[in-house]
Amino acid sequence: MLAPVSLLSFHWSSQVGPNYVSYACREAIGCSGTRLSRALTPQARRVYNVHPRPLRLGRFELLCLLSVCSVSVEGGMKEIVVGSDVGRRGTPSPPPPPPQALLERLKDYGQEDAFAFWDELSPEERNLLVKDIESLDLPRIDRIIRCSLGSQGLPLPAVEPVPEASVSTVEARTLEERERWWKRGLKAISEGKLAVVLLSGGQGTRLGSSDPKGCFNIGLPSGKSLFQLQAERILCIQKLAAQSNDTGFMPIHWYIMTSPFTDEATRKFFESHKYFGLESDQVTFFQQGTLPCVSGDGRFIMETPYKVSRAPDGNGGLYSALKSSKLLEDMAMRGVKYVDCYGVDNVLVRVADPAFLGYFIDKGVAAAAKVVRKAYPQEKVGVFVQRGRGGPFAVVEYSEMDASMTTEINQTTGRLRYCWSNVCLHMFTLDFLNQVANGLEKDSIYHQAEKKIPSIHGFTIGFKLEQFVFDAFAYAPSMALFEVPREEEFAPVKNANGASYDTPDSARLMLLRLHSRWVVAAGGFLTHSVPLYLTGVEISPLCSYAGENLEAICRGRTFHAPSEITI
């Protein structure tokens, strides 16, 4: 083992490139060139790989190098001189240079660092790197990076609260309206005019699982996953629609957007559960796109020396994914006019809700969203606003709101002025989706999520670039908001048990309480061995979609909580 080292210098002759470093490292400190390269910071690597000239490593880079090489940092000094290696027996010939045309393209966009480890890679790894780079749409990605990072710090456009009159509130609806919307929605469903899109690209990482979120079992008496609950609600609505209109059975087509990280596991989960009773040909899987993760100066972060780190392009990647997969044409071919879109992690989601669809058709708008009132000023949810007085609806994220905006009170109603929470429950016309798919594709400003990115250094702080589903609302010529009761339709599962909100336990309890109220409303009774506010019953979606048709099952009967009520 080399004597303790505290300072390390490299001297380059004009004839020497980085491919000679392996020899010098082996001779001097027993460290391969690849390990040396990976130990350097990006800035040092750029100099190390591009400039054949004297280079002195800074203390930080030295510490990284020495830690990789298991060399202590106490006293002494070692200098490595890397010179011409002509005539040295057994020295491998320099590797071939990277493809010149591809390297020049990378240089055009300031991304030549992607080839920083070229000389240290095996032939197979070089091929993988070339294929990885060639798969990137560099002009588009460069435009997105420049516009997105350049928008940091810019003031938000002026916004106004959404007027109460623009929202269909729960308290303002009449029984006659609710019944009319329900029937109209069922009729459209029975005619095959509704498709459902599920946003399911996320993993359950925060829930302690690497599986797709939809596979998660929140601990209901039935043990059903989120996917199964949603599939059975589709089955129930198909049946109700067929019964209500005597037009025969029309399946609701379910389009499920995955990501490269969830696609295979999602498909296998559906196959192993026989599509939860749905026909396999009424379910279509498609993948959202990805974008490179970048550093603060816009450079690609390398996950490995031969692979660019990528992340899904946000749930707003839906629109370009529908277009590139030709699924908008598929919907049109099936006779679809309306599209229900929602996120996977809401236990209470009413998939293909006839009442929401009937309202949407009645309003004749291009887009609509279900909303709930904010529970309290500091609740971390995005809220709907208007871009300027009378302007289009948009969503402002909680992190973009200052304290005065979150707490401002409407003096007339006594409620928060910015109160309509976005809960990712949307309805679109197919015509509008076609418009958005073309419009958002040209939009170069993406949201930046600062994250720990997997990289050759373990993890690097960088940015994921994302679009969101609600970005489309800026393109909507007309839009409506539809309030729903939180306790009936919004129970998100985002955090592991033990967190203060949005956990499997909190979502499970909301469902059990809701279904317990359905039982009592249908004339049933409950017994329980623990306080009822801590438990309840679960009603299978195959029995009831929203509390309807339960009298025959519940009236006069007593159910012990917790338990499942099935057909």
Foldseek 3Di string as FASTA:
>chain_A
DDAAAAFEWEAFDPVDALLQVQVQCCVHQNDGSQLLLLLADLVLLVCRHPPRGIDTDDRSSVVSSCVSSVHHNDDDHDYTYRYDPPPPPPDDDFDDDQDPVLLVLCVVLVANCLCSCVRVDDPVLSVLLVVQSVVDPVVLQSLLLCQALVCPPPADFDWFFDDPVQAAAPVPDDPVLLVQLLLQLLQCVQVQAEAEEEEFADAQVQQVGLATQQCDQLDAQVSDGLQLQQLLLQVQSQVVSCVSPVPDGDHHAYEYEYAPSHVVRVVVVCVVCVNNPDDPVSYHYWYFDKHFWAASVRYFFALASRHTFIDGAESLSVLLRCVVVVVLVVSVVSNHFKYKYAYSFFSQANTSRSSVNSVCVVVVWFKEAEWEWDPALLPFFWFWIASPVVHFIFTDGSVSDDPCQSAPADPVPRHRSGTTGGRGTMMGTSVLSVVLSVVVSPDSHFHWDFDFTNHSNGTDTTTGTHDYNRVSRNVIPDYGYYYDYCLNHGQGDRHHPPDPHSHSQRSSLSQQVQVQVLLVVLQAAEDEPDPVSNWHEAERSNCPSRSPPCNVPRRPYYYYTYYYHYD
